[in-house]
Amino acid sequence: MTSTEPAATADRIRALAAGLRENGTDQDALNALAATRELTRAISQLQVEAVAVLQRSGAFAAAGHRRPESVVASVLTVDRGRAREIVRAAEHVAARVDLQGQVLPPVLPAMAAAFSSGAASLQHVDLIARLLDSPAARRIPPYAWTGIEEQIAAVADTSTPTELARFGADLVRAYDQDGAEPDEREPVQVNELRLTPLPTGVAGRSAGCSPTRSATR
């Protein structure tokens, strides 16, 4: 892909907008609005893949950037939150490389397929990536998460990002009904000494104890 191809596409979109502005009908406007759904997702794919290439090559680190979203925000002139969505998507739905240089599949393969086909948006991916990083989801074994993710990805095309995140969270809660392991450490009584000033200038003394958790069983 040459650098002029995206620019030519952008020029074409601007020309379509100008034509719609000058003499577009209601139906033309509805068709154009529907088309922007696919265009927006295609642009997000291009942004995510560009970031993924720079991550795999080590370009961010080589340039001294500890946080890739700072570069993305600067290049795109967007807020850091938006840039973080793009980086998080690249970390979860794009191919990765390990320390030995071996190419690894995406962390979220089902969502990666939905994203590349246009069935899932950047925000869909971002919210499911954040769900995967939640404490409840991390307690789910990989084989079970695979099934959950496939169910989530299957309805991405017909769900808003919020609806999809809620559906995913419900699936996670249904699997993780027991929740986190309880804290079974035994309480330990700790004596406290408190000095209270008296009107006579003599400090009074009171003792108390409060339970804490022991460091070890």
N, C-alpha and C. Protein backbone atom coordinates (compact mmCIF):
# COMPACT_ATOMS: atom_id res chain seq x y z
N MET A 1 0.84 -1.19 0.00
CA MET A 1 0.00 0.00 0.00
C MET A 1 0.88 1.24 0.00
N THR A 2 0.58 2.16 -0.92
CA THR A 2 1.34 3.40 -0.97
C THR A 2 0.67 4.45 -0.09
N SER A 3 1.42 5.49 0.22
CA SER A 3 0.88 6.54 1.09
C SER A 3 -0.23 7.34 0.41
N THR A 4 -0.30 7.25 -0.93
CA THR A 4 -1.32 8.03 -1.64
C THR A 4 -2.68 7.34 -1.66
N GLU A 5 -2.71 6.03 -1.41
CA GLU A 5 -3.98 5.30 -1.48
C GLU A 5 -4.99 5.77 -0.43
N PRO A 6 -4.61 5.84 0.86
CA PRO A 6 -5.58 6.36 1.82
C PRO A 6 -6.00 7.79 1.52
N ALA A 7 -5.07 8.61 1.04
CA ALA A 7 -5.39 10.00 0.72
C ALA A 7 -6.41 10.06 -0.42
N ALA A 8 -6.25 9.19 -1.42
CA ALA A 8 -7.19 9.16 -2.54
C ALA A 8 -8.58 8.73 -2.06
N THR A 9 -8.60 7.76 -1.15
CA THR A 9 -9.88 7.32 -0.60
C THR A 9 -10.56 8.45 0.17
N ALA A 10 -9.77 9.17 0.95
CA ALA A 10 -10.32 10.30 1.71
C ALA A 10 -10.87 11.37 0.77
N ASP A 11 -10.17 11.64 -0.33
CA ASP A 11 -10.65 12.62 -1.30
C ASP A 11 -11.98 12.18 -1.90
N ARG A 12 -12.11 10.89 -2.16
CA ARG A 12 -13.35 10.36 -2.73
C ARG A 12 -14.51 10.51 -1.75
N ILE A 13 -14.24 10.27 -0.47
CA ILE A 13 -15.29 10.41 0.54
C ILE A 13 -15.71 11.87 0.67
N ARG A 14 -14.72 12.77 0.64
CA ARG A 14 -15.05 14.19 0.71
C ARG A 14 -15.88 14.63 -0.50
N ALA A 15 -15.59 14.07 -1.67
CA ALA A 15 -16.36 14.40 -2.87
C ALA A 15 -17.80 13.90 -2.74
N LEU A 16 -17.97 12.71 -2.15
CA LEU A 16 -19.31 12.18 -1.93
C LEU A 16 -20.09 13.06 -0.96
N ALA A 17 -19.41 13.53 0.07
CA ALA A 17 -20.07 14.42 1.04
C ALA A 17 -20.48 15.73 0.38
N ALA A 18 -19.62 16.26 -0.49
CA ALA A 18 -19.94 17.50 -1.19
C ALA A 18 -21.15 17.30 -2.10
N GLY A 19 -21.19 16.17 -2.79
CA GLY A 19 -22.33 15.90 -3.66
C GLY A 19 -23.62 15.75 -2.87
N LEU A 20 -23.53 15.11 -1.73
CA LEU A 20 -24.71 14.97 -0.87
C LEU A 20 -25.17 16.33 -0.36
N ARG A 21 -24.23 17.17 -0.04
CA ARG A 21 -24.55 18.49 0.47
C ARG A 21 -25.24 19.36 -0.59
N GLU A 22 -24.84 19.18 -1.85
CA GLU A 22 -25.36 20.03 -2.92
C GLU A 22 -26.73 19.60 -3.41
N ASN A 23 -26.91 18.30 -3.62
CA ASN A 23 -28.20 17.87 -4.19
C ASN A 23 -28.60 16.46 -3.75
N GLY A 24 -28.25 16.08 -2.56
CA GLY A 24 -28.58 14.75 -2.10
C GLY A 24 -30.03 14.64 -1.65
N THR A 25 -30.67 13.52 -1.94
CA THR A 25 -32.04 13.25 -1.49
C THR A 25 -32.01 12.61 -0.11
N ASP A 26 -33.19 12.45 0.49
CA ASP A 26 -33.28 11.78 1.78
C ASP A 26 -32.74 10.36 1.69
N GLN A 27 -33.08 9.66 0.60
CA GLN A 27 -32.60 8.30 0.45
C GLN A 27 -31.09 8.26 0.27
N ASP A 28 -30.57 9.21 -0.46
CA ASP A 28 -29.12 9.30 -0.61
C ASP A 28 -28.45 9.48 0.76
N ALA A 29 -29.06 10.33 1.57
CA ALA A 29 -28.51 10.59 2.90
C ALA A 29 -28.55 9.34 3.76
N LEU A 30 -29.66 8.60 3.71
CA LEU A 30 -29.77 7.37 4.48
C LEU A 30 -28.76 6.33 4.02
N ASN A 31 -28.59 6.22 2.70
CA ASN A 31 -27.61 5.27 2.17
C ASN A 31 -26.19 5.65 2.58
N ALA A 32 -25.90 6.93 2.53
CA ALA A 32 -24.56 7.40 2.91
C ALA A 32 -24.31 7.16 4.39
N LEU A 33 -25.33 7.42 5.21
CA LEU A 33 -25.18 7.21 6.64
C LEU A 33 -24.90 5.75 6.95
N ALA A 34 -25.63 4.84 6.29
CA ALA A 34 -25.41 3.41 6.50
C ALA A 34 -24.01 3.00 6.05
N ALA A 35 -23.53 3.61 4.97
CA ALA A 35 -22.21 3.26 4.46
C ALA A 35 -21.09 3.68 5.40
N THR A 36 -21.33 4.74 6.15
CA THR A 36 -20.27 5.20 7.06
C THR A 36 -19.98 4.18 8.15
N ARG A 37 -20.93 3.32 8.46
CA ARG A 37 -20.68 2.26 9.45
C ARG A 37 -19.51 1.39 9.01
N GLU A 38 -19.56 0.96 7.75
CA GLU A 38 -18.48 0.11 7.24
C GLU A 38 -17.19 0.90 7.05
N LEU A 39 -17.32 2.15 6.61
CA LEU A 39 -16.13 2.96 6.41
C LEU A 39 -15.41 3.23 7.72
N THR A 40 -16.18 3.54 8.76
CA THR A 40 -15.59 3.81 10.06
C THR A 40 -14.85 2.59 10.59
N ARG A 41 -15.45 1.42 10.42
CA ARG A 41 -14.81 0.19 10.90
C ARG A 41 -13.58 -0.15 10.06
N ALA A 42 -13.63 0.14 8.77
CA ALA A 42 -12.47 -0.10 7.91
C ALA A 42 -11.30 0.81 8.32
N ILE A 43 -11.61 2.05 8.64
CA ILE A 43 -10.56 2.97 9.08
C ILE A 43 -9.96 2.50 10.40
N SER A 44 -10.82 2.02 11.30
CA SER A 44 -10.32 1.50 12.58
C SER A 44 -9.39 0.31 12.35
N GLN A 45 -9.76 -0.55 11.41
CA GLN A 45 -8.89 -1.70 11.09
C GLN A 45 -7.52 -1.23 10.63
N LEU A 46 -7.51 -0.22 9.78
CA LEU A 46 -6.24 0.29 9.27
C LEU A 46 -5.41 0.88 10.40
N GLN A 47 -6.04 1.61 11.30
CA GLN A 47 -5.32 2.19 12.43
C GLN A 47 -4.76 1.11 13.35
N VAL A 48 -5.58 0.11 13.64
CA VAL A 48 -5.15 -0.97 14.53
C VAL A 48 -3.99 -1.76 13.92
N GLU A 49 -4.10 -2.08 12.65
CA GLU A 49 -3.03 -2.84 12.00
C GLU A 49 -1.75 -2.03 11.91
N ALA A 50 -1.86 -0.73 11.71
CA ALA A 50 -0.67 0.12 11.67
C ALA A 50 0.04 0.11 13.02
N VAL A 51 -0.74 0.22 14.09
CA VAL A 51 -0.15 0.18 15.43
C VAL A 51 0.46 -1.19 15.71
N ALA A 52 -0.23 -2.25 15.28
CA ALA A 52 0.28 -3.60 15.50
C ALA A 52 1.62 -3.82 14.80
N VAL A 53 1.75 -3.31 13.58
CA VAL A 53 3.02 -3.43 12.85
C VAL A 53 4.14 -2.73 13.62
N LEU A 54 3.85 -1.54 14.13
CA LEU A 54 4.87 -0.79 14.88
C LEU A 54 5.21 -1.48 16.19
N GLN A 55 4.24 -2.13 16.81
CA GLN A 55 4.51 -2.87 18.04
C GLN A 55 5.37 -4.10 17.76
N ARG A 56 5.02 -4.84 16.71
CA ARG A 56 5.78 -6.06 16.40
C ARG A 56 7.22 -5.74 16.00
N SER A 57 7.41 -4.63 15.33
CA SER A 57 8.77 -4.26 14.90
C SER A 57 9.60 -3.66 16.03
N GLY A 58 8.93 -3.28 17.11
CA GLY A 58 9.65 -2.63 18.20
C GLY A 58 9.91 -1.16 17.97
N ALA A 59 9.20 -0.56 17.01
CA ALA A 59 9.47 0.83 16.66
C ALA A 59 9.17 1.78 17.80
N PHE A 60 8.10 1.52 18.54
CA PHE A 60 7.77 2.41 19.65
C PHE A 60 8.88 2.41 20.70
N ALA A 61 9.29 1.21 21.08
CA ALA A 61 10.34 1.09 22.10
C ALA A 61 11.66 1.67 21.61
N ALA A 62 11.98 1.42 20.33
CA ALA A 62 13.24 1.93 19.79
C ALA A 62 13.30 3.45 19.80
N ALA A 63 12.13 4.07 19.65
CA ALA A 63 12.07 5.53 19.65
C ALA A 63 11.95 6.10 21.06
N GLY A 64 11.97 5.21 22.06
CA GLY A 64 11.92 5.65 23.44
C GLY A 64 10.53 5.93 23.97
N HIS A 65 9.50 5.40 23.30
CA HIS A 65 8.13 5.63 23.74
C HIS A 65 7.66 4.46 24.60
N ARG A 66 7.51 4.70 25.89
CA ARG A 66 7.05 3.64 26.78
C ARG A 66 5.56 3.39 26.61
N ARG A 67 4.83 4.40 26.22
CA ARG A 67 3.38 4.28 26.03
C ARG A 67 3.03 4.60 24.57
N PRO A 68 2.72 3.57 23.78
CA PRO A 68 2.40 3.81 22.37
C PRO A 68 1.24 4.77 22.16
N GLU A 69 0.29 4.81 23.11
CA GLU A 69 -0.87 5.67 22.90
C GLU A 69 -0.49 7.15 22.83
N SER A 70 0.63 7.53 23.42
CA SER A 70 1.05 8.93 23.33
C SER A 70 1.42 9.28 21.88
N VAL A 71 2.05 8.34 21.20
CA VAL A 71 2.40 8.57 19.79
C VAL A 71 1.14 8.57 18.94
N VAL A 72 0.27 7.60 19.18
CA VAL A 72 -0.97 7.50 18.40
C VAL A 72 -1.81 8.76 18.58
N ALA A 73 -1.91 9.24 19.82
CA ALA A 73 -2.69 10.45 20.08
C ALA A 73 -2.10 11.65 19.34
N SER A 74 -0.77 11.73 19.29
CA SER A 74 -0.11 12.84 18.62
C SER A 74 -0.31 12.77 17.11
N VAL A 75 -0.15 11.58 16.53
CA VAL A 75 -0.27 11.44 15.07
C VAL A 75 -1.70 11.70 14.61
N LEU A 76 -2.67 11.17 15.36
CA LEU A 76 -4.08 11.29 14.95
C LEU A 76 -4.75 12.55 15.51
N THR A 77 -4.07 13.25 16.40
CA THR A 77 -4.63 14.43 17.07
C THR A 77 -5.95 14.06 17.75
N VAL A 78 -5.89 13.01 18.57
CA VAL A 78 -7.05 12.56 19.32
C VAL A 78 -6.69 12.52 20.80
N ASP A 79 -7.71 12.37 21.64
CA ASP A 79 -7.47 12.26 23.07
C ASP A 79 -6.77 10.95 23.38
N ARG A 80 -6.10 10.92 24.55
CA ARG A 80 -5.38 9.71 24.93
C ARG A 80 -6.32 8.52 25.10
N GLY A 81 -7.55 8.77 25.54
CA GLY A 81 -8.50 7.67 25.70
C GLY A 81 -8.79 6.99 24.39
N ARG A 82 -9.00 7.76 23.34
CA ARG A 82 -9.25 7.20 22.01
C ARG A 82 -8.01 6.46 21.51
N ALA A 83 -6.85 7.05 21.72
CA ALA A 83 -5.61 6.40 21.30
C ALA A 83 -5.41 5.09 22.04
N ARG A 84 -5.78 5.07 23.32
CA ARG A 84 -5.64 3.84 24.10
C ARG A 84 -6.56 2.75 23.58
N GLU A 85 -7.74 3.10 23.09
CA GLU A 85 -8.64 2.11 22.49
C GLU A 85 -7.96 1.43 21.30
N ILE A 86 -7.31 2.22 20.47
CA ILE A 86 -6.63 1.68 19.28
C ILE A 86 -5.49 0.77 19.69
N VAL A 87 -4.69 1.21 20.66
CA VAL A 87 -3.56 0.39 21.12
C VAL A 87 -4.06 -0.89 21.77
N ARG A 88 -5.10 -0.79 22.60
CA ARG A 88 -5.63 -1.98 23.27
C ARG A 88 -6.16 -2.97 22.24
N ALA A 89 -6.82 -2.47 21.20
CA ALA A 89 -7.31 -3.35 20.15
C ALA A 89 -6.15 -4.04 19.45
N ALA A 90 -5.09 -3.29 19.16
CA ALA A 90 -3.92 -3.89 18.51
C ALA A 90 -3.31 -4.99 19.38
N GLU A 91 -3.37 -4.81 20.70
CA GLU A 91 -2.81 -5.79 21.62
C GLU A 91 -3.67 -7.05 21.72
N HIS A 92 -4.94 -6.96 21.33
CA HIS A 92 -5.85 -8.08 21.54
C HIS A 92 -6.36 -8.75 20.26
N VAL A 93 -6.44 -8.02 19.13
CA VAL A 93 -7.01 -8.64 17.92
C VAL A 93 -6.03 -8.66 16.75
N ALA A 94 -4.79 -8.34 16.99
CA ALA A 94 -3.76 -8.41 15.94
C ALA A 94 -2.72 -9.46 16.32
N ALA A 95 -2.02 -9.96 15.32
CA ALA A 95 -0.95 -10.92 15.59
C ALA A 95 0.14 -10.27 16.42
N ARG A 96 0.79 -11.09 17.26
CA ARG A 96 1.85 -10.58 18.15
C ARG A 96 3.13 -11.36 17.91
N VAL A 97 4.22 -10.91 18.49
CA VAL A 97 5.47 -11.66 18.45
C VAL A 97 5.97 -11.81 19.88
N ASP A 98 6.52 -12.98 20.20
CA ASP A 98 7.07 -13.19 21.53
C ASP A 98 8.53 -12.73 21.58
N LEU A 99 9.18 -12.97 22.70
CA LEU A 99 10.56 -12.52 22.86
C LEU A 99 11.52 -13.21 21.91
N GLN A 100 11.14 -14.38 21.41
CA GLN A 100 11.98 -15.11 20.46
C GLN A 100 11.67 -14.74 19.01
N GLY A 101 10.72 -13.82 18.83
CA GLY A 101 10.37 -13.40 17.47
C GLY A 101 9.33 -14.27 16.80
N GLN A 102 8.76 -15.22 17.54
CA GLN A 102 7.74 -16.09 16.96
C GLN A 102 6.40 -15.37 16.91
N VAL A 103 5.72 -15.50 15.77
CA VAL A 103 4.43 -14.85 15.59
C VAL A 103 3.36 -15.63 16.35
N LEU A 104 2.58 -14.93 17.16
CA LEU A 104 1.53 -15.54 17.96
C LEU A 104 0.17 -15.07 17.47
N PRO A 105 -0.86 -15.89 17.63
CA PRO A 105 -2.21 -15.48 17.21
C PRO A 105 -2.75 -14.38 18.12
N PRO A 106 -3.83 -13.73 17.72
CA PRO A 106 -4.42 -12.69 18.57
C PRO A 106 -4.88 -13.24 19.91
N VAL A 107 -4.88 -12.39 20.91
CA VAL A 107 -5.36 -12.78 22.23
C VAL A 107 -6.85 -13.11 22.18
N LEU A 108 -7.60 -12.37 21.36
CA LEU A 108 -9.03 -12.58 21.19
C LEU A 108 -9.31 -13.01 19.75
N PRO A 109 -9.11 -14.27 19.42
CA PRO A 109 -9.24 -14.69 18.03
C PRO A 109 -10.64 -14.53 17.45
N ALA A 110 -11.68 -14.82 18.23
CA ALA A 110 -13.04 -14.69 17.72
C ALA A 110 -13.39 -13.22 17.47
N MET A 111 -13.02 -12.37 18.39
CA MET A 111 -13.25 -10.94 18.19
C MET A 111 -12.39 -10.39 17.06
N ALA A 112 -11.19 -10.95 16.89
CA ALA A 112 -10.33 -10.54 15.78
C ALA A 112 -11.00 -10.82 14.45
N ALA A 113 -11.64 -11.99 14.34
CA ALA A 113 -12.33 -12.35 13.10
C ALA A 113 -13.51 -11.41 12.87
N ALA A 114 -14.25 -11.11 13.93
CA ALA A 114 -15.39 -10.21 13.79
C ALA A 114 -14.93 -8.80 13.43
N PHE A 115 -13.82 -8.37 14.00
CA PHE A 115 -13.30 -7.04 13.71
C PHE A 115 -12.82 -6.93 12.27
N SER A 116 -12.09 -7.93 11.80
CA SER A 116 -11.55 -7.88 10.45
C SER A 116 -12.65 -7.97 9.39
N SER A 117 -13.76 -8.62 9.72
CA SER A 117 -14.86 -8.74 8.77
C SER A 117 -15.78 -7.53 8.79
N GLY A 118 -15.60 -6.66 9.77
CA GLY A 118 -16.46 -5.50 9.89
C GLY A 118 -17.67 -5.73 10.77
N ALA A 119 -17.77 -6.91 11.38
CA ALA A 119 -18.91 -7.20 12.24
C ALA A 119 -18.78 -6.55 13.61
N ALA A 120 -17.56 -6.22 14.02
CA ALA A 120 -17.31 -5.59 15.31
C ALA A 120 -16.56 -4.28 15.10
N SER A 121 -16.91 -3.30 15.88
CA SER A 121 -16.25 -2.00 15.81
C SER A 121 -15.07 -1.94 16.77
N LEU A 122 -14.34 -0.84 16.69
CA LEU A 122 -13.22 -0.63 17.61
C LEU A 122 -13.71 -0.62 19.06
N GLN A 123 -14.84 0.02 19.31
CA GLN A 123 -15.35 0.09 20.68
C GLN A 123 -15.81 -1.28 21.16
N HIS A 124 -16.40 -2.09 20.27
CA HIS A 124 -16.74 -3.46 20.64
C HIS A 124 -15.50 -4.18 21.17
N VAL A 125 -14.44 -4.11 20.37
CA VAL A 125 -13.20 -4.80 20.72
C VAL A 125 -12.63 -4.27 22.03
N ASP A 126 -12.63 -2.96 22.18
CA ASP A 126 -12.05 -2.35 23.37
C ASP A 126 -12.77 -2.82 24.64
N LEU A 127 -14.09 -2.83 24.62
CA LEU A 127 -14.83 -3.22 25.81
C LEU A 127 -14.66 -4.70 26.14
N ILE A 128 -14.58 -5.55 25.13
CA ILE A 128 -14.38 -6.98 25.40
C ILE A 128 -12.95 -7.24 25.86
N ALA A 129 -12.00 -6.49 25.34
CA ALA A 129 -10.62 -6.61 25.83
C ALA A 129 -10.54 -6.22 27.29
N ARG A 130 -11.24 -5.17 27.66
CA ARG A 130 -11.26 -4.76 29.07
C ARG A 130 -11.98 -5.79 29.93
N LEU A 131 -13.02 -6.42 29.38
CA LEU A 131 -13.70 -7.48 30.12
C LEU A 131 -12.75 -8.65 30.36
N LEU A 132 -11.97 -9.01 29.35
CA LEU A 132 -11.02 -10.11 29.50
C LEU A 132 -10.01 -9.82 30.61
N ASP A 133 -9.66 -8.57 30.78
CA ASP A 133 -8.67 -8.19 31.80
C ASP A 133 -9.28 -8.02 33.19
N SER A 134 -10.58 -8.24 33.33
CA SER A 134 -11.23 -8.09 34.63
C SER A 134 -10.87 -9.27 35.53
N PRO A 135 -10.91 -9.09 36.86
CA PRO A 135 -10.58 -10.19 37.78
C PRO A 135 -11.44 -11.43 37.57
N ALA A 136 -12.74 -11.24 37.33
CA ALA A 136 -13.63 -12.39 37.14
C ALA A 136 -13.25 -13.19 35.91
N ALA A 137 -12.95 -12.49 34.80
CA ALA A 137 -12.59 -13.19 33.56
C ALA A 137 -11.25 -13.89 33.69
N ARG A 138 -10.33 -13.31 34.45
CA ARG A 138 -9.02 -13.94 34.61
C ARG A 138 -9.11 -15.24 35.41
N ARG A 139 -10.18 -15.41 36.16
CA ARG A 139 -10.35 -16.66 36.90
C ARG A 139 -10.90 -17.78 36.03
N ILE A 140 -11.36 -17.45 34.83
CA ILE A 140 -11.94 -18.45 33.94
C ILE A 140 -10.83 -19.15 33.17
N PRO A 141 -10.82 -20.48 33.14
CA PRO A 141 -9.77 -21.20 32.39
C PRO A 141 -9.87 -20.91 30.90
N PRO A 142 -8.74 -20.97 30.20
CA PRO A 142 -8.72 -20.62 28.77
C PRO A 142 -9.75 -21.36 27.93
N TYR A 143 -9.93 -22.65 28.17
CA TYR A 143 -10.87 -23.40 27.33
C TYR A 143 -12.29 -22.88 27.49
N ALA A 144 -12.65 -22.45 28.70
CA ALA A 144 -13.99 -21.91 28.94
C ALA A 144 -14.13 -20.52 28.36
N TRP A 145 -13.06 -19.70 28.48
CA TRP A 145 -13.13 -18.36 27.91
C TRP A 145 -13.29 -18.42 26.40
N THR A 146 -12.68 -19.40 25.75
CA THR A 146 -12.81 -19.53 24.30
C THR A 146 -14.28 -19.63 23.90
N GLY A 147 -15.03 -20.46 24.62
CA GLY A 147 -16.46 -20.59 24.32
C GLY A 147 -17.22 -19.31 24.59
N ILE A 148 -16.88 -18.63 25.67
CA ILE A 148 -17.54 -17.37 26.00
C ILE A 148 -17.26 -16.32 24.93
N GLU A 149 -15.99 -16.23 24.53
CA GLU A 149 -15.64 -15.24 23.51
C GLU A 149 -16.36 -15.51 22.19
N GLU A 150 -16.47 -16.76 21.82
CA GLU A 150 -17.17 -17.09 20.58
C GLU A 150 -18.64 -16.67 20.64
N GLN A 151 -19.26 -16.85 21.79
CA GLN A 151 -20.65 -16.41 21.94
C GLN A 151 -20.76 -14.89 21.84
N ILE A 152 -19.79 -14.20 22.42
CA ILE A 152 -19.79 -12.74 22.37
C ILE A 152 -19.62 -12.26 20.93
N ALA A 153 -18.63 -12.80 20.24
CA ALA A 153 -18.34 -12.37 18.87
C ALA A 153 -19.50 -12.64 17.93
N ALA A 154 -20.26 -13.69 18.20
CA ALA A 154 -21.36 -14.09 17.32
C ALA A 154 -22.47 -13.05 17.27
N VAL A 155 -22.61 -12.25 18.32
CA VAL A 155 -23.70 -11.26 18.36
C VAL A 155 -23.19 -9.83 18.26
N ALA A 156 -21.90 -9.66 17.97
CA ALA A 156 -21.33 -8.31 17.91
C ALA A 156 -21.99 -7.47 16.83
N ASP A 157 -22.29 -8.07 15.70
CA ASP A 157 -22.80 -7.31 14.56
C ASP A 157 -24.19 -6.74 14.81
N THR A 158 -24.92 -7.32 15.74
CA THR A 158 -26.29 -6.86 16.01
C THR A 158 -26.42 -6.21 17.38
N SER A 159 -25.31 -5.91 18.02
CA SER A 159 -25.33 -5.33 19.36
C SER A 159 -24.56 -4.01 19.39
N THR A 160 -25.01 -3.11 20.22
CA THR A 160 -24.21 -1.92 20.47
C THR A 160 -23.03 -2.34 21.35
N PRO A 161 -21.98 -1.54 21.41
CA PRO A 161 -20.86 -1.89 22.29
C PRO A 161 -21.29 -2.11 23.73
N THR A 162 -22.17 -1.25 24.25
CA THR A 162 -22.63 -1.40 25.63
C THR A 162 -23.40 -2.70 25.81
N GLU A 163 -24.26 -3.02 24.86
CA GLU A 163 -25.03 -4.27 24.94
C GLU A 163 -24.10 -5.47 24.90
N LEU A 164 -23.10 -5.41 24.04
CA LEU A 164 -22.17 -6.53 23.92
C LEU A 164 -21.37 -6.71 25.20
N ALA A 165 -20.91 -5.61 25.78
CA ALA A 165 -20.15 -5.69 27.03
C ALA A 165 -21.02 -6.24 28.14
N ARG A 166 -22.29 -5.86 28.18
CA ARG A 166 -23.19 -6.36 29.22
C ARG A 166 -23.44 -7.86 29.03
N PHE A 167 -23.62 -8.28 27.78
CA PHE A 167 -23.82 -9.70 27.48
C PHE A 167 -22.60 -10.50 27.90
N GLY A 168 -21.42 -9.99 27.56
CA GLY A 168 -20.20 -10.68 27.95
C GLY A 168 -20.03 -10.77 29.45
N ALA A 169 -20.33 -9.67 30.14
CA ALA A 169 -20.22 -9.67 31.60
C ALA A 169 -21.18 -10.67 32.23
N ASP A 170 -22.38 -10.80 31.64
CA ASP A 170 -23.35 -11.78 32.15
C ASP A 170 -22.82 -13.20 31.98
N LEU A 171 -22.20 -13.49 30.85
CA LEU A 171 -21.63 -14.81 30.62
C LEU A 171 -20.50 -15.10 31.61
N VAL A 172 -19.68 -14.10 31.85
CA VAL A 172 -18.58 -14.27 32.80
C VAL A 172 -19.11 -14.52 34.20
N ARG A 173 -20.12 -13.75 34.60
CA ARG A 173 -20.69 -13.93 35.94
C ARG A 173 -21.35 -15.30 36.07
N ALA A 174 -22.00 -15.75 35.01
CA ALA A 174 -22.65 -17.06 35.06
C ALA A 174 -21.64 -18.18 35.26
N TYR A 175 -20.47 -18.03 34.67
CA TYR A 175 -19.43 -19.06 34.84
C TYR A 175 -18.73 -18.91 36.18
N ASP A 176 -18.50 -17.66 36.59
CA ASP A 176 -17.72 -17.39 37.80
C ASP A 176 -18.64 -17.13 38.99
N GLN A 177 -19.60 -18.01 39.21
CA GLN A 177 -20.57 -17.80 40.27
C GLN A 177 -19.95 -17.84 41.66
N ASP A 178 -18.89 -18.59 41.84
CA ASP A 178 -18.27 -18.68 43.15
C ASP A 178 -17.45 -17.44 43.50
N GLY A 179 -17.05 -16.68 42.50
CA GLY A 179 -16.28 -15.48 42.75
C GLY A 179 -14.86 -15.79 43.19
N ALA A 180 -14.23 -14.78 43.77
CA ALA A 180 -12.85 -14.92 44.21
C ALA A 180 -12.78 -15.82 45.44
N GLU A 181 -11.61 -16.39 45.66
CA GLU A 181 -11.39 -17.21 46.85
C GLU A 181 -11.52 -16.35 48.10
N PRO A 182 -12.26 -16.84 49.12
CA PRO A 182 -12.40 -16.03 50.34
C PRO A 182 -11.08 -15.89 51.08
N ASP A 183 -10.95 -14.82 51.83
CA ASP A 183 -9.76 -14.59 52.65
C ASP A 183 -9.93 -15.38 53.94
N GLU A 184 -9.21 -16.50 54.05
CA GLU A 184 -9.37 -17.38 55.19
C GLU A 184 -8.30 -17.17 56.26
N ARG A 185 -7.54 -16.11 56.13
CA ARG A 185 -6.53 -15.85 57.15
C ARG A 185 -7.21 -15.51 58.47
N GLU A 186 -6.67 -16.02 59.57
CA GLU A 186 -7.28 -15.83 60.88
C GLU A 186 -7.00 -14.42 61.41
N PRO A 187 -8.02 -13.79 62.04
CA PRO A 187 -7.79 -12.47 62.61
C PRO A 187 -6.85 -12.54 63.80
N VAL A 188 -6.07 -11.50 63.97
CA VAL A 188 -5.12 -11.41 65.09
C VAL A 188 -5.48 -10.18 65.91
N GLN A 189 -5.53 -10.34 67.22
CA GLN A 189 -5.83 -9.21 68.09
C GLN A 189 -4.57 -8.36 68.26
N VAL A 190 -4.72 -7.08 68.03
CA VAL A 190 -3.59 -6.16 68.16
C VAL A 190 -3.91 -5.15 69.25
N ASN A 191 -3.07 -5.09 70.28
CA ASN A 191 -3.26 -4.13 71.36
C ASN A 191 -2.79 -2.75 70.93
N GLU A 192 -3.56 -1.74 71.29
CA GLU A 192 -3.21 -0.38 70.94
C GLU A 192 -3.14 0.46 72.21
N LEU A 193 -2.22 1.41 72.25
CA LEU A 193 -2.07 2.32 73.37
C LEU A 193 -2.33 3.73 72.88
N ARG A 194 -3.33 4.39 73.48
CA ARG A 194 -3.68 5.74 73.07
C ARG A 194 -3.52 6.69 74.25
N LEU A 195 -2.86 7.82 74.05
CA LEU A 195 -2.66 8.85 75.06
C LEU A 195 -3.61 10.00 74.79
N THR A 196 -4.39 10.37 75.82
CA THR A 196 -5.38 11.42 75.67
C THR A 196 -5.06 12.57 76.61
N PRO A 197 -4.86 13.80 76.15
CA PRO A 197 -4.55 14.92 77.03
C PRO A 197 -5.71 15.21 77.98
N LEU A 198 -5.43 15.42 79.27
CA LEU A 198 -6.44 15.77 80.26
C LEU A 198 -6.32 17.25 80.61
N PRO A 199 -7.39 17.82 81.18
CA PRO A 199 -7.32 19.25 81.55
C PRO A 199 -6.19 19.56 82.50
N THR A 200 -5.77 18.60 83.30
CA THR A 200 -4.69 18.83 84.26
C THR A 200 -3.32 18.82 83.62
N GLY A 201 -3.30 18.48 82.34
CA GLY A 201 -2.01 18.41 81.65
C GLY A 201 -1.39 17.04 81.71
N VAL A 202 -2.01 16.11 82.45
CA VAL A 202 -1.49 14.75 82.55
C VAL A 202 -2.18 13.90 81.49
N ALA A 203 -1.43 13.14 80.80
CA ALA A 203 -1.99 12.31 79.74
C ALA A 203 -2.66 11.09 80.33
N GLY A 204 -3.88 10.84 79.92
CA GLY A 204 -4.55 9.61 80.32
C GLY A 204 -4.19 8.49 79.37
N ARG A 205 -4.44 7.28 79.75
CA ARG A 205 -4.05 6.13 78.93
C ARG A 205 -5.25 5.21 78.79
N SER A 206 -5.48 4.77 77.60
CA SER A 206 -6.53 3.77 77.38
C SER A 206 -5.98 2.71 76.45
N ALA A 207 -6.39 1.50 76.66
CA ALA A 207 -5.91 0.39 75.84
C ALA A 207 -7.08 -0.23 75.12
N GLY A 208 -6.82 -0.75 73.96
CA GLY A 208 -7.86 -1.42 73.20
C GLY A 208 -7.25 -2.43 72.29
N CYS A 209 -8.06 -3.18 71.66
CA CYS A 209 -7.55 -4.17 70.70
C CYS A 209 -8.47 -4.18 69.50
N SER A 210 -7.89 -4.40 68.38
CA SER A 210 -8.64 -4.47 67.15
C SER A 210 -8.14 -5.64 66.32
N PRO A 211 -9.07 -6.32 65.65
CA PRO A 211 -8.65 -7.48 64.87
C PRO A 211 -8.05 -7.08 63.55
N THR A 212 -7.01 -7.75 63.14
CA THR A 212 -6.45 -7.62 61.81
C THR A 212 -6.29 -8.99 61.23
N ARG A 213 -5.89 -9.06 60.00
CA ARG A 213 -5.66 -10.34 59.35
C ARG A 213 -4.20 -10.70 59.47
N SER A 214 -3.94 -11.94 59.80
CA SER A 214 -2.55 -12.38 59.91
C SER A 214 -1.93 -12.47 58.54
N ALA A 215 -0.62 -12.31 58.49
CA ALA A 215 0.08 -12.37 57.20
C ALA A 215 0.15 -13.78 56.67
N THR A 216 0.15 -14.74 57.55
CA THR A 216 0.22 -16.14 57.13
C THR A 216 -0.80 -16.94 57.88
N ARG A 217 -1.13 -18.11 57.32
CA ARG A 217 -2.05 -19.00 58.01
C ARG A 217 -1.37 -19.61 59.23
